[in-house]
Amino acid sequence: MNNKYQSPFSTRYASDEMQYIFSQEFKIKTWRRLWIALAKAEKKLGLEISEDQIKELEKYKDNINFDVAKEREKECRHDVMAHIYAYGKQCPNAKKILHLGATSCYVGDNSDIIAIKEAMEILKRKIVNIISILSDFAFKYKDLPTLAYTHLQPAQLTTVGKRACLWINELYIDLQEIDFRLENLKLLGSKGTTGTQASFLELFEGDESKIDELENLIASEMGFKKCVEVSGQTYSRKIDSQVLSTLSGIAQSASKFSNDIRILQSFKEIEEPFEKHQIGSSAMPYKRNPIRSERITSLSRYVIVNSLNPGFTASTQWFERTLDDSANKRISISEGFLAVDSILNIFLNIVDGLVVYKKVIERRVKNELAFMATENIMMAAVKKGGDRQVIHERLRELSMEAGREVKENGGENDLIDRIAKDKYFNLTKQELEQQLDPKKFIGRSSHQVEIFLANEIRPLLEKNKDILGEKYLLTV
């Protein structure tokens, strides 16, 4: 057994692919890719760098001698310099041109941006798959009436499918935010110690066009459109703040969904998946607790609070650079992504196995529908010659009486029987029951589902069809 602390994201929640992006191996391999990109660009722009030196760097780009770097860092107390030393030990011919003109943030900040980009691509893929599954669910249940709530009190009717579209729409907004971030994400490039590129001005003997081309070549080599135009030593820490704000938005959407499911499961209308041998409670064998949804709620709370970290960091960066961002950044960025990855894994698992209990939904609608139908009943009574004001007052009185019967005596909602017996209404029970078709009270719910899915969601899914088909099996 490991006697050291291990993050729950590593042992219980986050996927292997997301953990790898924030691993030491991914980081150092990315550093080496960046060093190679810098050397290639400098060679192309006329500096004395040989093809053999480039090949030597490429030969060892994935063969990291971590042990050498670890021992060196004990001496120099600088992780980048330790890895330059370790890489140089493997590449003695290329050692003298390694990291030429660059500062530590060349590898540190650029690799952070690359990790953010790849991590957001993973989140995007999972959100698209959740939307895909939920869109099928929404279409399947677009016509099934269910109670809609305001203030968590029954208000009118909606449909199960329409409510699912509300969940989808939250994620759709998040997806648009991710796409915006990915589209506008830029590398730091190679800006030098204070962002002035003075070292490169020296290297290229004052030729500024070569410095601009250097940035373009590095960006292209690393899969980006461009580098930032201006910076201090680091890229603006506002980028981290914006990215974690995007993660917070995803967590908010997931938490809204999970809380809805928890309440619906309490109503026994819709349940999250529950395995054959799953135990709901150590004391109460009958329980079917919504543990997946509760876990989403819990992790989402962490992400939302964690999103404050980079905001404080961005607001306290002094002039061109200060290092109080480093420790906080290492934790808040990586764990923010690991947490949202965990949330989406659970989200994907839940939506793939939602259970709908139609009979319970129908019964609960029936218990409330008489109250919701009072306006229609009033109109029907007026058409038979009744006085609208008198009928309104009688409906109010009878509704209160029926409500007391339910709440105080535990009886059934007998409002329809009371109205049928009341001479003011002049309506038979059969005529009253004709007013109680639930589909008369769902408004445009079904059509709204069809329009939303056709106009917004299906084009999105078609555009991303190459990443569809993902499921997630929870192990804990």
Protein backbone atom coordinates (compact mmCIF):
# COMPACT_ATOMS: atom_id res chain seq x y z
CA MET A 1 0.00 0.00 0.00
CA ASN A 2 1.21 3.50 -0.86
CA ASN A 3 1.83 5.37 2.42
CA LYS A 4 1.85 8.80 0.75
CA TYR A 5 -1.12 11.03 -0.01
CA GLN A 6 -2.69 10.41 -3.40
CA SER A 7 -5.18 12.77 -4.98
CA PRO A 8 -8.70 11.31 -5.29
CA PHE A 9 -8.66 12.60 -8.86
CA SER A 10 -5.93 10.06 -9.58
CA THR A 11 -7.33 7.15 -7.59
CA ARG A 12 -11.09 7.53 -8.10
CA TYR A 13 -12.33 10.13 -10.54
CA ALA A 14 -10.25 11.50 -13.44
CA SER A 15 -9.51 9.59 -16.63
CA ASP A 16 -6.04 8.33 -17.50
CA GLU A 17 -5.86 10.58 -20.56
CA MET A 18 -6.54 13.73 -18.56
CA GLN A 19 -4.12 12.70 -15.83
CA TYR A 20 -1.43 12.17 -18.48
CA ILE A 21 -1.78 15.71 -19.83
CA PHE A 22 -0.86 17.09 -16.41
CA SER A 23 1.81 14.48 -15.73
CA GLN A 24 5.51 15.19 -15.42
CA GLU A 25 6.18 13.04 -18.47
CA PHE A 26 3.85 15.04 -20.71
CA LYS A 27 5.31 18.31 -19.45
CA ILE A 28 8.96 17.42 -20.05
CA LYS A 29 8.24 15.82 -23.41
CA THR A 30 6.51 19.07 -24.37
CA TRP A 31 9.49 21.08 -23.16
CA ARG A 32 11.72 19.04 -25.45
CA ARG A 33 9.36 19.53 -28.38
CA LEU A 34 9.54 23.27 -27.72
CA TRP A 35 13.33 23.25 -27.57
CA ILE A 36 13.41 21.39 -30.88
CA ALA A 37 10.92 23.87 -32.43
CA LEU A 38 13.11 26.77 -31.26
CA ALA A 39 16.27 25.21 -32.64
CA LYS A 40 14.64 24.42 -36.01
CA ALA A 41 13.31 27.97 -36.33
CA GLU A 42 16.66 29.50 -35.40
CA LYS A 43 18.45 27.27 -37.90
CA LYS A 44 16.00 28.21 -40.66
CA LEU A 45 16.57 31.89 -39.89
CA GLY A 46 20.32 31.61 -40.30
CA LEU A 47 21.84 30.84 -36.91
CA GLU A 48 24.69 28.33 -36.80
CA ILE A 49 22.75 25.21 -35.88
CA SER A 50 23.43 21.99 -37.77
CA GLU A 51 21.02 19.32 -38.96
CA ASP A 52 22.97 16.80 -36.87
CA GLN A 53 22.28 18.83 -33.74
CA ILE A 54 18.56 18.88 -34.55
CA LYS A 55 18.57 15.11 -35.17
CA GLU A 56 20.35 14.52 -31.89
CA LEU A 57 17.68 16.51 -30.04
CA GLU A 58 14.90 14.62 -31.82
CA LYS A 59 16.50 11.26 -31.04
CA TYR A 60 16.07 11.80 -27.29
CA LYS A 61 12.90 13.88 -27.28
CA ASP A 62 10.81 11.10 -25.67
CA ASN A 63 13.57 9.40 -23.70
CA ILE A 64 13.60 11.51 -20.56
CA ASN A 65 16.42 10.93 -18.08
CA PHE A 66 14.42 12.03 -15.06
CA ASP A 67 16.96 10.70 -12.58
CA VAL A 68 19.69 12.99 -13.92
CA ALA A 69 17.37 16.02 -13.83
CA LYS A 70 16.26 15.20 -10.28
CA GLU A 71 19.83 15.09 -8.97
CA ARG A 72 20.73 18.28 -10.80
CA GLU A 73 17.69 20.16 -9.42
CA LYS A 74 18.84 19.35 -5.87
CA GLU A 75 21.95 21.38 -6.64
CA CYS A 76 20.65 24.25 -8.77
CA ARG A 77 17.09 24.58 -7.35
CA HIS A 78 15.74 25.28 -10.84
CA ASP A 79 13.63 22.73 -12.70
CA VAL A 80 14.12 24.15 -16.20
CA MET A 81 17.89 24.41 -15.82
CA ALA A 82 17.96 20.89 -14.40
CA HIS A 83 16.21 19.52 -17.49
CA ILE A 84 18.41 21.55 -19.84
CA TYR A 85 21.37 19.92 -18.10
CA ALA A 86 19.80 16.42 -18.37
CA TYR A 87 18.92 16.88 -22.06
CA GLY A 88 22.43 18.18 -22.71
CA LYS A 89 23.89 15.05 -21.13
CA GLN A 90 22.04 12.99 -23.74
CA CYS A 91 22.81 15.43 -26.59
CA PRO A 92 26.41 16.63 -26.10
CA ASN A 93 26.69 18.00 -29.64
CA ALA A 94 23.46 20.01 -29.37
CA LYS A 95 24.01 21.13 -25.77
CA LYS A 96 25.53 24.48 -26.72
CA ILE A 97 22.53 25.58 -28.83
CA LEU A 98 19.85 24.22 -26.48
CA HIS A 99 17.45 26.92 -25.15
CA LEU A 100 19.34 29.53 -27.18
CA GLY A 101 18.01 33.05 -26.46
CA ALA A 102 15.11 31.72 -24.39
CA THR A 103 14.05 32.14 -20.78
CA SER A 104 12.39 29.53 -18.56
CA CYS A 105 8.91 30.70 -19.46
CA TYR A 106 9.57 29.73 -23.06
CA VAL A 107 9.13 26.09 -22.09
CA GLY A 108 7.09 26.57 -18.91
CA ASP A 109 4.37 28.87 -20.19
CA ASN A 110 4.17 27.47 -23.70
CA SER A 111 3.80 23.93 -22.36
CA ASP A 112 1.04 25.14 -20.02
CA ILE A 113 -0.88 26.58 -22.96
CA ILE A 114 -0.41 23.34 -24.91
CA ALA A 115 -1.70 21.31 -21.94
CA ILE A 116 -4.72 23.61 -21.59
CA LYS A 117 -5.50 23.21 -25.28
CA GLU A 118 -5.32 19.43 -25.22
CA ALA A 119 -7.28 19.23 -21.97
CA MET A 120 -10.06 21.43 -23.38
CA GLU A 121 -10.24 19.18 -26.45
CA ILE A 122 -10.93 16.23 -24.13
CA LEU A 123 -13.64 18.15 -22.29
CA LYS A 124 -15.19 19.21 -25.58
CA ARG A 125 -15.37 15.61 -26.77
CA LYS A 126 -17.09 14.47 -23.59
CA ILE A 127 -19.58 17.34 -23.60
CA VAL A 128 -20.51 16.62 -27.23
CA ASN A 129 -21.18 12.98 -26.32
CA ILE A 130 -23.30 13.94 -23.32
CA ILE A 131 -25.31 16.31 -25.53
CA SER A 132 -25.74 13.53 -28.10
CA ILE A 133 -27.16 11.06 -25.57
CA LEU A 134 -29.36 13.69 -23.93
CA SER A 135 -30.71 14.81 -27.33
CA ASP A 136 -31.92 11.25 -28.01
CA PHE A 137 -33.49 11.23 -24.55
CA ALA A 138 -35.16 14.60 -25.16
CA PHE A 139 -36.63 13.50 -28.48
CA LYS A 140 -37.89 10.21 -27.03
CA TYR A 141 -39.75 11.97 -24.21
CA LYS A 142 -40.67 15.21 -25.97
CA ASP A 143 -44.41 14.47 -25.61
CA LEU A 144 -44.47 13.05 -22.06
CA PRO A 145 -46.16 15.60 -19.77
CA THR A 146 -44.59 16.18 -16.39
CA LEU A 147 -44.94 18.72 -13.61
CA ALA A 148 -42.97 21.91 -14.10
CA TYR A 149 -41.90 23.86 -11.04
CA THR A 150 -41.25 27.39 -9.93
CA HIS A 151 -39.89 27.84 -6.39
CA LEU A 152 -39.91 23.99 -6.32
CA GLN A 153 -43.70 24.19 -6.22
CA PRO A 154 -45.85 22.67 -9.01
CA ALA A 155 -46.61 25.47 -11.46
CA GLN A 156 -47.72 24.24 -14.88
CA LEU A 157 -46.81 21.29 -17.06
CA THR A 158 -43.82 20.79 -19.30
CA THR A 159 -42.55 17.57 -20.87
CA VAL A 160 -39.69 15.33 -19.81
CA GLY A 161 -38.05 16.00 -23.17
CA LYS A 162 -38.38 19.78 -22.83
CA ARG A 163 -36.72 19.67 -19.42
CA ALA A 164 -33.88 17.63 -20.90
CA CYS A 165 -33.43 20.40 -23.48
CA LEU A 166 -32.80 22.81 -20.62
CA TRP A 167 -29.91 20.59 -19.51
CA ILE A 168 -28.64 20.36 -23.09
CA ASN A 169 -28.82 24.12 -23.56
CA GLU A 170 -26.60 24.74 -20.53
CA LEU A 171 -23.97 22.42 -22.01
CA TYR A 172 -24.41 23.98 -25.44
CA ILE A 173 -23.49 27.36 -23.96
CA ASP A 174 -20.43 25.77 -22.32
CA LEU A 175 -19.42 24.20 -25.62
CA GLN A 176 -19.59 27.55 -27.37
CA GLU A 177 -17.36 28.95 -24.62
CA ILE A 178 -14.83 26.13 -25.09
CA ASP A 179 -14.79 26.67 -28.84
CA PHE A 180 -14.14 30.37 -28.30
CA ARG A 181 -11.26 29.64 -25.93
CA LEU A 182 -9.72 27.10 -28.31
CA GLU A 183 -10.08 29.42 -31.28
CA ASN A 184 -8.40 32.31 -29.48
CA LEU A 185 -5.73 30.47 -27.51
CA LYS A 186 -2.22 31.62 -28.43
CA LEU A 187 1.25 30.50 -27.46
CA LEU A 188 3.49 32.82 -25.49
CA GLY A 189 6.19 32.30 -28.09
CA SER A 190 9.72 33.36 -27.16
CA LYS A 191 9.60 36.80 -25.59
CA GLY A 192 12.68 36.80 -23.36
CA THR A 193 13.18 37.85 -19.78
CA THR A 194 10.86 40.87 -19.67
CA GLY A 195 8.95 40.37 -22.91
CA THR A 196 11.09 42.69 -25.03
CA GLN A 197 12.84 39.93 -27.03
CA ALA A 198 16.13 41.73 -26.48
CA SER A 199 18.12 38.48 -26.57
CA PHE A 200 16.71 37.62 -29.99
CA LEU A 201 17.41 41.11 -31.28
CA GLU A 202 21.03 40.40 -30.36
CA LEU A 203 21.03 36.92 -31.92
CA PHE A 204 19.57 38.14 -35.21
CA GLU A 205 21.73 41.28 -35.28
CA GLY A 206 18.80 43.69 -35.12
CA ASP A 207 16.70 42.01 -37.83
CA GLU A 208 13.19 42.30 -36.34
CA SER A 209 11.55 40.52 -39.27
CA LYS A 210 13.43 37.37 -38.31
CA ILE A 211 12.12 37.61 -34.75
CA ASP A 212 8.55 37.83 -36.05
CA GLU A 213 9.17 34.85 -38.31
CA LEU A 214 10.69 32.92 -35.39
CA GLU A 215 7.41 33.28 -33.50
CA ASN A 216 5.39 32.14 -36.53
CA LEU A 217 7.58 29.10 -37.04
CA ILE A 218 7.34 28.05 -33.40
CA ALA A 219 3.56 28.51 -33.36
CA SER A 220 3.15 26.46 -36.54
CA GLU A 221 5.44 23.69 -35.30
CA MET A 222 3.38 23.38 -32.08
CA GLY A 223 0.00 23.45 -33.82
CA PHE A 224 -1.07 27.04 -33.09
CA LYS A 225 -2.06 29.88 -35.38
CA LYS A 226 0.06 32.50 -33.66
CA CYS A 227 1.81 33.71 -30.53
CA VAL A 228 0.64 36.57 -28.35
CA GLU A 229 1.61 39.99 -29.64
CA VAL A 230 2.77 41.46 -26.32
CA SER A 231 3.66 40.02 -22.94
CA GLY A 232 5.94 40.38 -19.98
CA GLN A 233 8.03 37.33 -19.24
CA THR A 234 4.84 35.24 -19.01
CA TYR A 235 1.59 35.07 -20.93
CA SER A 236 -1.11 37.09 -19.21
CA ARG A 237 -2.43 35.22 -16.20
CA LYS A 238 -5.87 36.45 -17.19
CA ILE A 239 -5.85 33.53 -19.64
CA ASP A 240 -5.77 31.10 -16.73
CA SER A 241 -8.57 33.02 -15.06
CA GLN A 242 -10.69 32.90 -18.22
CA VAL A 243 -10.03 29.20 -18.74
CA LEU A 244 -11.01 28.30 -15.19
CA SER A 245 -14.09 30.47 -15.55
CA THR A 246 -15.01 28.26 -18.50
CA LEU A 247 -14.45 25.18 -16.32
CA SER A 248 -16.61 26.74 -13.63
CA GLY A 249 -19.38 27.22 -16.20
CA ILE A 250 -19.28 23.51 -17.06
CA ALA A 251 -19.41 22.65 -13.36
CA GLN A 252 -22.43 24.94 -12.91
CA SER A 253 -24.28 23.20 -15.74
CA ALA A 254 -23.42 19.76 -14.40
CA SER A 255 -24.46 20.69 -10.88
CA LYS A 256 -27.81 22.05 -12.10
CA PHE A 257 -28.41 18.74 -13.89
CA SER A 258 -27.32 16.63 -10.94
CA ASN A 259 -29.51 18.51 -8.48
CA ASP A 260 -32.51 18.13 -10.79
CA ILE A 261 -31.87 14.38 -10.98
CA ARG A 262 -31.52 14.13 -7.20
CA ILE A 263 -34.90 15.80 -6.74
CA LEU A 264 -36.54 13.76 -9.51
CA GLN A 265 -35.17 10.57 -7.93
CA SER A 266 -36.69 11.66 -4.63
CA PHE A 267 -40.00 12.03 -6.48
CA LYS A 268 -39.41 8.54 -7.96
CA GLU A 269 -39.93 9.96 -11.46
CA ILE A 270 -36.45 9.57 -12.96
CA GLU A 271 -33.48 7.70 -11.56
CA GLU A 272 -29.79 7.57 -12.33
CA PRO A 273 -28.38 4.09 -13.11
CA PHE A 274 -28.31 1.61 -10.22
CA GLU A 275 -26.35 -1.62 -10.64
CA LYS A 276 -27.72 -5.01 -9.63
CA HIS A 277 -25.30 -5.39 -6.71
CA GLN A 278 -24.99 -1.71 -5.77
CA ILE A 279 -25.59 -0.93 -2.08
CA GLY A 280 -27.49 2.26 -1.32
CA SER A 281 -27.07 2.28 2.46
CA SER A 282 -25.25 0.17 5.05
CA ALA A 283 -28.25 0.50 7.37
CA MET A 284 -31.23 0.68 5.01
CA PRO A 285 -31.15 -2.10 2.37
CA TYR A 286 -34.09 -0.66 0.41
CA LYS A 287 -32.38 2.65 -0.43
CA ARG A 288 -31.38 3.71 -3.94
CA ASN A 289 -29.27 6.77 -3.31
CA PRO A 290 -28.35 9.08 -6.24
CA ILE A 291 -24.64 8.80 -5.44
CA ARG A 292 -23.47 9.68 -8.96
CA SER A 293 -25.45 12.90 -9.02
CA GLU A 294 -24.36 13.73 -5.50
CA ARG A 295 -20.75 13.26 -6.57
CA ILE A 296 -21.23 15.66 -9.47
CA THR A 297 -22.69 18.23 -7.08
CA SER A 298 -19.76 17.81 -4.72
CA LEU A 299 -17.02 18.03 -7.36
CA SER A 300 -18.75 20.96 -9.06
CA ARG A 301 -18.64 22.90 -5.83
CA TYR A 302 -14.86 22.41 -5.76
CA VAL A 303 -14.45 23.62 -9.35
CA ILE A 304 -16.60 26.72 -8.86
CA VAL A 305 -14.61 27.76 -5.78
CA ASN A 306 -11.28 26.85 -7.41
CA SER A 307 -12.03 29.25 -10.28
CA LEU A 308 -11.24 32.14 -7.91
CA ASN A 309 -7.57 31.13 -7.64
CA PRO A 310 -6.26 32.39 -11.01
CA GLY A 311 -8.23 35.62 -10.64
CA PHE A 312 -6.25 36.48 -7.52
CA THR A 313 -3.05 35.44 -9.29
CA ALA A 314 -3.78 37.59 -12.36
CA SER A 315 -4.53 40.61 -10.21
CA THR A 316 -1.27 40.44 -8.27
CA GLN A 317 1.28 39.99 -11.06
CA TRP A 318 3.78 42.80 -10.52
CA PHE A 319 4.99 44.53 -13.66
CA GLU A 320 6.64 42.07 -16.08
CA ARG A 321 6.72 38.99 -13.80
CA THR A 322 6.55 37.74 -10.24
CA LEU A 323 6.73 34.15 -9.06
CA ASP A 324 3.83 34.05 -6.63
CA ASP A 325 1.77 32.59 -9.48
CA SER A 326 3.82 29.41 -9.72
CA ALA A 327 2.76 27.20 -6.80
CA ASN A 328 -0.90 28.21 -7.02
CA LYS A 329 -0.96 27.79 -10.80
CA ARG A 330 0.52 24.29 -10.69
CA ILE A 331 -2.35 23.16 -8.47
CA SER A 332 -5.38 25.18 -9.56
CA ILE A 333 -5.08 24.66 -13.33
CA SER A 334 -4.34 20.95 -13.29
CA GLU A 335 -6.82 20.04 -10.57
CA GLY A 336 -9.50 22.23 -12.15
CA PHE A 337 -9.25 20.20 -15.35
CA LEU A 338 -9.02 16.89 -13.49
CA ALA A 339 -12.15 17.78 -11.52
CA VAL A 340 -14.19 18.76 -14.59
CA ASP A 341 -12.98 15.63 -16.38
CA SER A 342 -14.23 13.64 -13.38
CA ILE A 343 -17.58 15.44 -13.48
CA LEU A 344 -18.07 14.76 -17.18
CA ASN A 345 -17.16 11.08 -16.76
CA ILE A 346 -19.94 10.72 -14.19
CA PHE A 347 -22.31 12.88 -16.26
CA LEU A 348 -21.73 10.65 -19.29
CA ASN A 349 -22.39 7.54 -17.22
CA ILE A 350 -25.65 8.92 -15.78
CA VAL A 351 -27.22 10.11 -19.02
CA ASP A 352 -26.42 6.79 -20.69
CA GLY A 353 -28.59 4.97 -18.16
CA LEU A 354 -31.39 7.30 -17.02
CA VAL A 355 -34.53 5.43 -15.99
CA VAL A 356 -37.94 7.08 -16.50
CA TYR A 357 -40.97 5.91 -14.53
CA LYS A 358 -43.91 7.01 -16.68
CA LYS A 359 -46.67 5.77 -14.37
CA VAL A 360 -45.29 7.74 -11.42
CA ILE A 361 -44.99 10.85 -13.57
CA GLU A 362 -48.57 10.42 -14.82
CA ARG A 363 -49.90 9.91 -11.28
CA ARG A 364 -48.14 12.99 -9.97
CA VAL A 365 -49.46 15.04 -12.89
CA LYS A 366 -52.97 13.78 -12.22
CA ASN A 367 -52.75 14.77 -8.55
CA GLU A 368 -52.02 18.39 -9.46
CA LEU A 369 -53.79 18.78 -12.78
CA ALA A 370 -57.19 19.71 -11.38
CA PHE A 371 -55.68 22.86 -9.85
CA MET A 372 -53.89 23.74 -13.09
CA ALA A 373 -57.07 23.25 -15.10
CA THR A 374 -59.11 25.77 -13.14
CA GLU A 375 -58.72 28.52 -15.75
CA ASN A 376 -59.96 26.21 -18.51
CA ILE A 377 -62.83 25.07 -16.29
CA MET A 378 -63.75 28.69 -15.59
CA MET A 379 -63.95 29.43 -19.33
CA ALA A 380 -66.10 26.35 -19.92
CA ALA A 381 -68.49 27.39 -17.16
CA VAL A 382 -68.75 30.95 -18.52
CA LYS A 383 -69.68 29.53 -21.93
CA LYS A 384 -72.60 27.79 -20.21
CA GLY A 385 -73.88 31.09 -18.90
CA GLY A 386 -71.96 31.48 -15.66
CA ASP A 387 -70.75 34.76 -14.18
CA ARG A 388 -66.97 34.89 -14.49
CA GLN A 389 -66.43 36.70 -11.17
CA VAL A 390 -68.73 34.39 -9.20
CA ILE A 391 -67.17 31.29 -10.76
CA HIS A 392 -63.65 32.56 -10.01
CA GLU A 393 -64.54 32.99 -6.35
CA ARG A 394 -66.18 29.57 -6.17
CA LEU A 395 -63.10 27.98 -7.77
CA ARG A 396 -60.89 29.67 -5.20
CA GLU A 397 -63.03 28.38 -2.33
CA LEU A 398 -63.29 24.85 -3.70
CA SER A 399 -59.55 24.73 -4.43
CA MET A 400 -58.81 25.66 -0.82
CA GLU A 401 -61.19 22.93 0.39
CA ALA A 402 -59.60 20.33 -1.91
CA GLY A 403 -56.15 21.44 -0.78
CA ARG A 404 -57.10 20.96 2.87
CA GLU A 405 -58.43 17.49 2.06
CA VAL A 406 -55.03 16.55 0.61
CA LYS A 407 -52.83 18.23 3.23
CA GLU A 408 -54.80 17.81 6.45
CA ASN A 409 -56.64 14.54 5.87
CA GLY A 410 -54.18 12.84 3.50
CA GLY A 411 -56.97 12.31 0.99
CA GLU A 412 -57.06 12.48 -2.80
CA ASN A 413 -57.42 15.70 -4.75
CA ASP A 414 -61.23 15.75 -5.14
CA LEU A 415 -61.56 19.21 -6.70
CA ILE A 416 -63.25 17.86 -9.85
CA ASP A 417 -65.90 16.06 -7.78
CA ARG A 418 -66.55 19.21 -5.79
CA ILE A 419 -66.97 21.30 -8.96
CA ALA A 420 -69.26 18.71 -10.55
CA LYS A 421 -71.56 18.93 -7.52
CA ASP A 422 -71.60 22.73 -7.47
CA LYS A 423 -74.66 24.24 -9.23
CA TYR A 424 -72.79 27.44 -10.16
CA PHE A 425 -70.70 25.62 -12.77
CA ASN A 426 -73.41 23.66 -14.61
CA LEU A 427 -70.75 21.14 -15.76
CA THR A 428 -70.92 17.35 -15.58
CA LYS A 429 -67.98 15.29 -14.35
CA GLN A 430 -67.51 13.97 -17.87
CA GLU A 431 -67.31 17.53 -19.22
CA LEU A 432 -64.85 18.45 -16.49
CA GLU A 433 -62.62 15.45 -17.18
CA GLN A 434 -62.40 16.50 -20.82
CA GLN A 435 -60.53 19.55 -19.54
CA LEU A 436 -57.96 17.31 -17.83
CA ASP A 437 -55.97 16.04 -20.79
CA PRO A 438 -52.36 16.80 -19.72
CA LYS A 439 -51.33 17.55 -23.29
CA LYS A 440 -53.59 20.59 -23.23
CA PHE A 441 -51.27 22.12 -20.64
CA ILE A 442 -47.77 21.56 -22.07
CA GLY A 443 -47.89 24.56 -24.40
CA ARG A 444 -45.32 24.35 -27.20
CA SER A 445 -43.02 21.99 -25.29
CA SER A 446 -42.98 19.24 -27.91
CA HIS A 447 -42.46 21.64 -30.78
CA GLN A 448 -39.76 23.53 -28.88
CA VAL A 449 -37.84 20.27 -28.45
CA GLU A 450 -38.09 19.53 -32.18
CA ILE A 451 -37.00 23.03 -33.20
CA PHE A 452 -34.10 23.19 -30.74
CA LEU A 453 -32.75 19.78 -31.68
CA ALA A 454 -33.16 20.40 -35.43
CA ASN A 455 -31.77 23.94 -35.55
CA GLU A 456 -29.03 23.86 -32.93
CA ILE A 457 -28.10 20.39 -31.74
CA ARG A 458 -28.21 18.12 -34.78
CA PRO A 459 -25.95 20.43 -36.85
CA LEU A 460 -23.54 20.47 -33.89
CA LEU A 461 -23.55 16.67 -33.69
CA GLU A 462 -23.08 16.33 -37.43
CA LYS A 463 -20.11 18.69 -37.28
CA ASN A 464 -18.56 16.58 -34.51
CA LYS A 465 -19.66 13.12 -35.67
CA ASP A 466 -16.08 11.84 -35.67
CA ILE A 467 -15.92 12.08 -31.85
CA LEU A 468 -19.33 10.57 -31.07
CA GLY A 469 -19.96 7.15 -29.53
CA GLU A 470 -18.18 7.57 -26.21
CA LYS A 471 -19.44 5.97 -23.00
CA TYR A 472 -17.94 5.82 -19.53
CA LEU A 473 -18.01 2.93 -17.04
CA LEU A 474 -17.64 4.00 -13.44
CA THR A 475 -15.56 1.73 -11.25
CA VAL A 476 -16.37 3.35 -7.88
